[in-house]
Full PDB file with SEQRES, HELIX, SHEET, SSBOND, CRYST1, ORIGX, SCALE, CONECT and MASTER records, all heavy atoms in Angstrom:
SEQRES   1 A   29  VAL SER ILE GLY GLY ASN LEU LYS MET GLU TYR PRO SER          
SEQRES   2 A   29  ILE GLU GLU GLY VAL VAL PHE PHE PRO LYS SER SER ALA          
SEQRES   3 A   29  ILE GLY SER                                                  
SHEET    1 AA1 2 SER A   2  GLY A   4  0                                        
SHEET    2 AA1 2 SER A  25  ILE A  27  1                                        
CRYST1    1.000    1.000    1.000  90.00  90.00  90.00 P 1           1          
ORIGX1      1.000000  0.000000  0.000000        0.00000                         
ORIGX2      0.000000  1.000000  0.000000        0.00000                         
ORIGX3      0.000000  0.000000  1.000000        0.00000                         
SCALE1      1.000000  0.000000  0.000000        0.00000                         
SCALE2      0.000000  1.000000  0.000000        0.00000                         
SCALE3      0.000000  0.000000  1.000000        0.00000                         
ATOM      1  N   VAL A   1      11.456 -27.642 -23.973  1.00  0.00           N  
ATOM      2  CA  VAL A   1      10.536 -26.650 -24.466  1.00  0.00           C  
ATOM      3  C   VAL A   1      11.261 -25.679 -25.409  1.00  0.00           C  
ATOM      4  O   VAL A   1      12.397 -25.259 -25.130  1.00  0.00           O  
ATOM      5  CB  VAL A   1       9.844 -25.912 -23.326  1.00  0.00           C  
ATOM      6  CG1 VAL A   1       9.072 -24.704 -23.804  1.00  0.00           C  
ATOM      7  CG2 VAL A   1       8.956 -26.836 -22.534  1.00  0.00           C  
ATOM      8  N   SER A   2      10.573 -25.299 -26.482  1.00  0.00           N  
ATOM      9  CA  SER A   2      11.100 -24.246 -27.406  1.00  0.00           C  
ATOM     10  C   SER A   2      10.101 -23.137 -27.561  1.00  0.00           C  
ATOM     11  O   SER A   2       8.938 -23.337 -27.849  1.00  0.00           O  
ATOM     12  CB  SER A   2      11.396 -24.864 -28.805  1.00  0.00           C  
ATOM     13  OG  SER A   2      12.409 -25.833 -28.742  1.00  0.00           O  
ATOM     14  N   ILE A   3      10.620 -21.901 -27.324  1.00  0.00           N  
ATOM     15  CA  ILE A   3       9.799 -20.730 -27.476  1.00  0.00           C  
ATOM     16  C   ILE A   3      10.616 -19.744 -28.316  1.00  0.00           C  
ATOM     17  O   ILE A   3      11.746 -19.468 -27.934  1.00  0.00           O  
ATOM     18  CB  ILE A   3       9.474 -20.092 -26.111  1.00  0.00           C  
ATOM     19  CG1 ILE A   3       8.657 -21.080 -25.258  1.00  0.00           C  
ATOM     20  CG2 ILE A   3       8.689 -18.799 -26.270  1.00  0.00           C  
ATOM     21  CD1 ILE A   3       8.458 -20.602 -23.833  1.00  0.00           C  
ATOM     22  N   GLY A   4      10.011 -19.191 -29.393  1.00  0.00           N  
ATOM     23  CA  GLY A   4      10.788 -18.219 -30.178  1.00  0.00           C  
ATOM     24  C   GLY A   4      10.139 -17.869 -31.457  1.00  0.00           C  
ATOM     25  O   GLY A   4       8.961 -18.207 -31.732  1.00  0.00           O  
ATOM     26  N   GLY A   5      10.908 -17.140 -32.319  1.00  0.00           N  
ATOM     27  CA  GLY A   5      10.408 -16.568 -33.551  1.00  0.00           C  
ATOM     28  C   GLY A   5      10.394 -17.503 -34.719  1.00  0.00           C  
ATOM     29  O   GLY A   5      11.085 -18.542 -34.733  1.00  0.00           O  
ATOM     30  N   ASN A   6       9.720 -17.070 -35.804  1.00  0.00           N  
ATOM     31  CA  ASN A   6       9.740 -17.747 -37.045  1.00  0.00           C  
ATOM     32  C   ASN A   6      10.637 -16.985 -38.059  1.00  0.00           C  
ATOM     33  O   ASN A   6      11.262 -16.017 -37.652  1.00  0.00           O  
ATOM     34  CB  ASN A   6       8.293 -17.951 -37.587  1.00  0.00           C  
ATOM     35  CG  ASN A   6       7.587 -16.618 -37.839  1.00  0.00           C  
ATOM     36  OD1 ASN A   6       8.172 -15.562 -37.921  1.00  0.00           O  
ATOM     37  ND2 ASN A   6       6.247 -16.717 -37.829  1.00  0.00           N  
ATOM     38  N   LEU A   7      10.662 -17.472 -39.284  1.00  0.00           N  
ATOM     39  CA  LEU A   7      11.554 -16.820 -40.289  1.00  0.00           C  
ATOM     40  C   LEU A   7      11.068 -15.400 -40.651  1.00  0.00           C  
ATOM     41  O   LEU A   7      11.867 -14.611 -41.232  1.00  0.00           O  
ATOM     42  CB  LEU A   7      11.629 -17.676 -41.522  1.00  0.00           C  
ATOM     43  CG  LEU A   7      12.353 -19.026 -41.352  1.00  0.00           C  
ATOM     44  CD1 LEU A   7      12.300 -19.823 -42.669  1.00  0.00           C  
ATOM     45  CD2 LEU A   7      13.791 -18.850 -40.877  1.00  0.00           C  
ATOM     46  N   LYS A   8       9.859 -15.027 -40.341  1.00  0.00           N  
ATOM     47  CA  LYS A   8       9.307 -13.710 -40.593  1.00  0.00           C  
ATOM     48  C   LYS A   8       9.574 -12.783 -39.381  1.00  0.00           C  
ATOM     49  O   LYS A   8       9.098 -11.636 -39.383  1.00  0.00           O  
ATOM     50  CB  LYS A   8       7.828 -13.780 -40.860  1.00  0.00           C  
ATOM     51  CG  LYS A   8       7.470 -14.485 -42.142  1.00  0.00           C  
ATOM     52  CD  LYS A   8       5.943 -14.451 -42.341  1.00  0.00           C  
ATOM     53  CE  LYS A   8       5.586 -15.201 -43.637  1.00  0.00           C  
ATOM     54  NZ  LYS A   8       4.134 -15.182 -43.839  1.00  0.00           N  
ATOM     55  N   MET A   9      10.360 -13.234 -38.387  1.00  0.00           N  
ATOM     56  CA  MET A   9      10.682 -12.474 -37.210  1.00  0.00           C  
ATOM     57  C   MET A   9       9.438 -12.124 -36.431  1.00  0.00           C  
ATOM     58  O   MET A   9       9.298 -11.076 -35.847  1.00  0.00           O  
ATOM     59  CB  MET A   9      11.463 -11.220 -37.583  1.00  0.00           C  
ATOM     60  CG  MET A   9      12.655 -11.479 -38.436  1.00  0.00           C  
ATOM     61  SD  MET A   9      13.937 -12.487 -37.616  1.00  0.00           S  
ATOM     62  CE  MET A   9      14.613 -11.265 -36.471  1.00  0.00           C  
ATOM     63  N   GLU A  10       8.484 -13.081 -36.364  1.00  0.00           N  
ATOM     64  CA  GLU A  10       7.279 -12.948 -35.569  1.00  0.00           C  
ATOM     65  C   GLU A  10       7.470 -13.757 -34.309  1.00  0.00           C  
ATOM     66  O   GLU A  10       8.064 -14.873 -34.364  1.00  0.00           O  
ATOM     67  CB  GLU A  10       6.048 -13.450 -36.342  1.00  0.00           C  
ATOM     68  CG  GLU A  10       5.756 -12.609 -37.580  1.00  0.00           C  
ATOM     69  CD  GLU A  10       4.754 -13.288 -38.474  1.00  0.00           C  
ATOM     70  OE1 GLU A  10       4.616 -14.496 -38.490  1.00  0.00           O  
ATOM     71  OE2 GLU A  10       3.972 -12.548 -39.139  1.00  0.00           O  
ATOM     72  N   TYR A  11       6.991 -13.221 -33.179  1.00  0.00           N  
ATOM     73  CA  TYR A  11       7.328 -13.839 -31.907  1.00  0.00           C  
ATOM     74  C   TYR A  11       6.090 -14.134 -31.062  1.00  0.00           C  
ATOM     75  O   TYR A  11       5.109 -13.407 -31.185  1.00  0.00           O  
ATOM     76  CB  TYR A  11       8.308 -12.970 -31.127  1.00  0.00           C  
ATOM     77  CG  TYR A  11       9.533 -12.682 -31.834  1.00  0.00           C  
ATOM     78  CD1 TYR A  11       9.764 -11.480 -32.520  1.00  0.00           C  
ATOM     79  CD2 TYR A  11      10.614 -13.596 -31.892  1.00  0.00           C  
ATOM     80  CE1 TYR A  11      10.859 -11.195 -33.217  1.00  0.00           C  
ATOM     81  CE2 TYR A  11      11.753 -13.349 -32.616  1.00  0.00           C  
ATOM     82  CZ  TYR A  11      11.905 -12.146 -33.250  1.00  0.00           C  
ATOM     83  OH  TYR A  11      13.088 -11.880 -33.973  1.00  0.00           O  
ATOM     84  N   PRO A  12       6.156 -15.137 -30.194  1.00  0.00           N  
ATOM     85  CA  PRO A  12       4.969 -15.473 -29.356  1.00  0.00           C  
ATOM     86  C   PRO A  12       4.636 -14.405 -28.327  1.00  0.00           C  
ATOM     87  O   PRO A  12       5.509 -13.664 -27.887  1.00  0.00           O  
ATOM     88  CB  PRO A  12       5.433 -16.793 -28.695  1.00  0.00           C  
ATOM     89  CG  PRO A  12       6.575 -17.318 -29.481  1.00  0.00           C  
ATOM     90  CD  PRO A  12       7.235 -16.085 -29.981  1.00  0.00           C  
ATOM     91  N   SER A  13       3.380 -14.409 -27.945  1.00  0.00           N  
ATOM     92  CA  SER A  13       2.874 -13.581 -26.852  1.00  0.00           C  
ATOM     93  C   SER A  13       2.193 -14.548 -25.867  1.00  0.00           C  
ATOM     94  O   SER A  13       1.264 -15.246 -26.251  1.00  0.00           O  
ATOM     95  CB  SER A  13       1.861 -12.511 -27.366  1.00  0.00           C  
ATOM     96  OG  SER A  13       1.347 -11.795 -26.296  1.00  0.00           O  
ATOM     97  N   ILE A  14       2.700 -14.534 -24.642  1.00  0.00           N  
ATOM     98  CA  ILE A  14       2.246 -15.529 -23.668  1.00  0.00           C  
ATOM     99  C   ILE A  14       1.646 -14.833 -22.461  1.00  0.00           C  
ATOM    100  O   ILE A  14       2.390 -14.070 -21.801  1.00  0.00           O  
ATOM    101  CB  ILE A  14       3.432 -16.438 -23.247  1.00  0.00           C  
ATOM    102  CG1 ILE A  14       3.985 -17.170 -24.499  1.00  0.00           C  
ATOM    103  CG2 ILE A  14       2.980 -17.449 -22.188  1.00  0.00           C  
ATOM    104  CD1 ILE A  14       5.337 -17.819 -24.240  1.00  0.00           C  
ATOM    105  N   GLU A  15       0.453 -15.065 -22.189  1.00  0.00           N  
ATOM    106  CA  GLU A  15      -0.249 -14.316 -21.117  1.00  0.00           C  
ATOM    107  C   GLU A  15       0.079 -14.972 -19.740  1.00  0.00           C  
ATOM    108  O   GLU A  15       0.806 -15.968 -19.663  1.00  0.00           O  
ATOM    109  CB  GLU A  15      -1.760 -14.348 -21.324  1.00  0.00           C  
ATOM    110  CG  GLU A  15      -2.237 -13.634 -22.580  1.00  0.00           C  
ATOM    111  CD  GLU A  15      -1.915 -12.144 -22.559  1.00  0.00           C  
ATOM    112  OE1 GLU A  15      -1.848 -11.512 -21.466  1.00  0.00           O  
ATOM    113  OE2 GLU A  15      -1.700 -11.560 -23.636  1.00  0.00           O  
ATOM    114  N   GLU A  16      -0.428 -14.391 -18.674  1.00  0.00           N  
ATOM    115  CA  GLU A  16      -0.167 -14.819 -17.317  1.00  0.00           C  
ATOM    116  C   GLU A  16      -0.676 -16.264 -17.051  1.00  0.00           C  
ATOM    117  O   GLU A  16      -1.735 -16.609 -17.505  1.00  0.00           O  
ATOM    118  CB  GLU A  16      -0.762 -13.852 -16.337  1.00  0.00           C  
ATOM    119  CG  GLU A  16      -0.413 -14.102 -14.903  1.00  0.00           C  
ATOM    120  CD  GLU A  16      -0.949 -13.022 -13.972  1.00  0.00           C  
ATOM    121  OE1 GLU A  16      -0.427 -11.877 -13.999  1.00  0.00           O  
ATOM    122  OE2 GLU A  16      -1.899 -13.280 -13.221  1.00  0.00           O  
ATOM    123  N   GLY A  17       0.137 -17.030 -16.290  1.00  0.00           N  
ATOM    124  CA  GLY A  17      -0.324 -18.332 -15.831  1.00  0.00           C  
ATOM    125  C   GLY A  17      -0.335 -19.395 -16.914  1.00  0.00           C  
ATOM    126  O   GLY A  17      -1.340 -20.060 -17.107  1.00  0.00           O  
ATOM    127  N   VAL A  18       0.762 -19.533 -17.634  1.00  0.00           N  
ATOM    128  CA  VAL A  18       0.837 -20.541 -18.706  1.00  0.00           C  
ATOM    129  C   VAL A  18       1.933 -21.550 -18.319  1.00  0.00           C  
ATOM    130  O   VAL A  18       3.001 -21.182 -17.849  1.00  0.00           O  
ATOM    131  CB  VAL A  18       1.168 -19.952 -20.075  1.00  0.00           C  
ATOM    132  CG1 VAL A  18       1.445 -20.954 -21.130  1.00  0.00           C  
ATOM    133  CG2 VAL A  18       0.000 -19.012 -20.529  1.00  0.00           C  
ATOM    134  N   VAL A  19       1.657 -22.830 -18.600  1.00  0.00           N  
ATOM    135  CA  VAL A  19       2.649 -23.874 -18.354  1.00  0.00           C  
ATOM    136  C   VAL A  19       2.932 -24.582 -19.697  1.00  0.00           C  
ATOM    137  O   VAL A  19       2.023 -24.921 -20.430  1.00  0.00           O  
ATOM    138  CB  VAL A  19       2.201 -24.871 -17.294  1.00  0.00           C  
ATOM    139  CG1 VAL A  19       0.842 -25.498 -17.607  1.00  0.00           C  
ATOM    140  CG2 VAL A  19       3.276 -25.985 -17.077  1.00  0.00           C  
ATOM    141  N   PHE A  20       4.230 -24.802 -19.968  1.00  0.00           N  
ATOM    142  CA  PHE A  20       4.666 -25.595 -21.115  1.00  0.00           C  
ATOM    143  C   PHE A  20       5.212 -26.926 -20.572  1.00  0.00           C  
ATOM    144  O   PHE A  20       6.225 -26.980 -19.901  1.00  0.00           O  
ATOM    145  CB  PHE A  20       5.768 -24.869 -21.869  1.00  0.00           C  
ATOM    146  CG  PHE A  20       5.298 -23.706 -22.678  1.00  0.00           C  
ATOM    147  CD1 PHE A  20       5.228 -22.418 -22.152  1.00  0.00           C  
ATOM    148  CD2 PHE A  20       4.955 -23.897 -24.013  1.00  0.00           C  
ATOM    149  CE1 PHE A  20       4.797 -21.350 -22.887  1.00  0.00           C  
ATOM    150  CE2 PHE A  20       4.526 -22.806 -24.788  1.00  0.00           C  
ATOM    151  CZ  PHE A  20       4.465 -21.553 -24.234  1.00  0.00           C  
ATOM    152  N   PHE A  21       4.505 -27.964 -20.875  1.00  0.00           N  
ATOM    153  CA  PHE A  21       4.989 -29.300 -20.438  1.00  0.00           C  
ATOM    154  C   PHE A  21       6.032 -29.820 -21.440  1.00  0.00           C  
ATOM    155  O   PHE A  21       6.292 -29.209 -22.462  1.00  0.00           O  
ATOM    156  CB  PHE A  21       3.759 -30.231 -20.329  1.00  0.00           C  
ATOM    157  CG  PHE A  21       2.896 -29.968 -19.120  1.00  0.00           C  
ATOM    158  CD1 PHE A  21       1.690 -29.342 -19.225  1.00  0.00           C  
ATOM    159  CD2 PHE A  21       3.382 -30.312 -17.858  1.00  0.00           C  
ATOM    160  CE1 PHE A  21       0.905 -29.087 -18.117  1.00  0.00           C  
ATOM    161  CE2 PHE A  21       2.591 -30.041 -16.688  1.00  0.00           C  
ATOM    162  CZ  PHE A  21       1.391 -29.431 -16.867  1.00  0.00           C  
ATOM    163  N   PRO A  22       6.691 -30.975 -21.072  1.00  0.00           N  
ATOM    164  CA  PRO A  22       7.814 -31.448 -21.829  1.00  0.00           C  
ATOM    165  C   PRO A  22       7.685 -31.541 -23.351  1.00  0.00           C  
ATOM    166  O   PRO A  22       6.662 -32.004 -23.842  1.00  0.00           O  
ATOM    167  CB  PRO A  22       8.118 -32.816 -21.240  1.00  0.00           C  
ATOM    168  CG  PRO A  22       7.605 -32.730 -19.838  1.00  0.00           C  
ATOM    169  CD  PRO A  22       6.432 -31.879 -19.937  1.00  0.00           C  
ATOM    170  N   LYS A  23       8.679 -31.063 -24.078  1.00  0.00           N  
ATOM    171  CA  LYS A  23       8.788 -31.110 -25.501  1.00  0.00           C  
ATOM    172  C   LYS A  23       7.687 -30.338 -26.221  1.00  0.00           C  
ATOM    173  O   LYS A  23       7.375 -30.695 -27.418  1.00  0.00           O  
ATOM    174  CB  LYS A  23       8.894 -32.583 -25.963  1.00  0.00           C  
ATOM    175  CG  LYS A  23      10.150 -33.269 -25.480  1.00  0.00           C  
ATOM    176  CD  LYS A  23      10.233 -34.706 -26.016  1.00  0.00           C  
ATOM    177  CE  LYS A  23      11.489 -35.342 -25.516  1.00  0.00           C  
ATOM    178  NZ  LYS A  23      11.645 -36.779 -26.011  1.00  0.00           N  
ATOM    179  N   SER A  24       7.102 -29.357 -25.584  1.00  0.00           N  
ATOM    180  CA  SER A  24       6.101 -28.523 -26.267  1.00  0.00           C  
ATOM    181  C   SER A  24       6.832 -27.298 -26.825  1.00  0.00           C  
ATOM    182  O   SER A  24       7.990 -27.032 -26.468  1.00  0.00           O  
ATOM    183  CB  SER A  24       5.031 -28.130 -25.327  1.00  0.00           C  
ATOM    184  OG  SER A  24       5.512 -27.383 -24.190  1.00  0.00           O  
ATOM    185  N   SER A  25       6.156 -26.630 -27.741  1.00  0.00           N  
ATOM    186  CA  SER A  25       6.801 -25.444 -28.343  1.00  0.00           C  
ATOM    187  C   SER A  25       5.736 -24.415 -28.764  1.00  0.00           C  
ATOM    188  O   SER A  25       4.585 -24.728 -29.058  1.00  0.00           O  
ATOM    189  CB  SER A  25       7.614 -25.858 -29.574  1.00  0.00           C  
ATOM    190  OG  SER A  25       6.838 -26.384 -30.552  1.00  0.00           O  
ATOM    191  N   ALA A  26       6.191 -23.188 -28.824  1.00  0.00           N  
ATOM    192  CA  ALA A  26       5.359 -22.055 -29.348  1.00  0.00           C  
ATOM    193  C   ALA A  26       6.307 -21.254 -30.232  1.00  0.00           C  
ATOM    194  O   ALA A  26       7.229 -20.604 -29.734  1.00  0.00           O  
ATOM    195  CB  ALA A  26       4.806 -21.197 -28.242  1.00  0.00           C  
ATOM    196  N   ILE A  27       6.086 -21.251 -31.517  1.00  0.00           N  
ATOM    197  CA  ILE A  27       6.915 -20.626 -32.502  1.00  0.00           C  
ATOM    198  C   ILE A  27       6.126 -19.638 -33.354  1.00  0.00           C  
ATOM    199  O   ILE A  27       5.015 -19.935 -33.741  1.00  0.00           O  
ATOM    200  CB  ILE A  27       7.595 -21.666 -33.451  1.00  0.00           C  
ATOM    201  CG1 ILE A  27       8.388 -22.715 -32.614  1.00  0.00           C  
ATOM    202  CG2 ILE A  27       8.501 -20.956 -34.451  1.00  0.00           C  
ATOM    203  CD1 ILE A  27       9.503 -22.142 -31.788  1.00  0.00           C  
ATOM    204  N   GLY A  28       6.723 -18.485 -33.623  1.00  0.00           N  
ATOM    205  CA  GLY A  28       6.080 -17.514 -34.457  1.00  0.00           C  
ATOM    206  C   GLY A  28       5.042 -16.690 -33.697  1.00  0.00           C  
ATOM    207  O   GLY A  28       5.163 -16.431 -32.513  1.00  0.00           O  
ATOM    208  N   SER A  29       4.005 -16.233 -34.425  1.00  0.00           N  
ATOM    209  CA  SER A  29       3.059 -15.284 -33.864  1.00  0.00           C  
ATOM    210  C   SER A  29       1.981 -15.945 -33.000  1.00  0.00           C  
ATOM    211  O   SER A  29       0.811 -15.560 -33.074  1.00  0.00           O  
ATOM    212  CB  SER A  29       2.435 -14.429 -34.999  1.00  0.00           C  
ATOM    213  OG  SER A  29       1.739 -15.340 -35.910  1.00  0.00           O  
TER     214      SER A  29                                                      
MASTER        0    0    0    0    2    0    0    6  213    1    0    3          
END                                                                             
């Protein structure tokens, strides 16, 4: 799993009770 920012330095916001299954990602805003 990959979680993190983009080149504009925008980052994810993840609410309560979230699951990231294999090889998923959340990048940027």
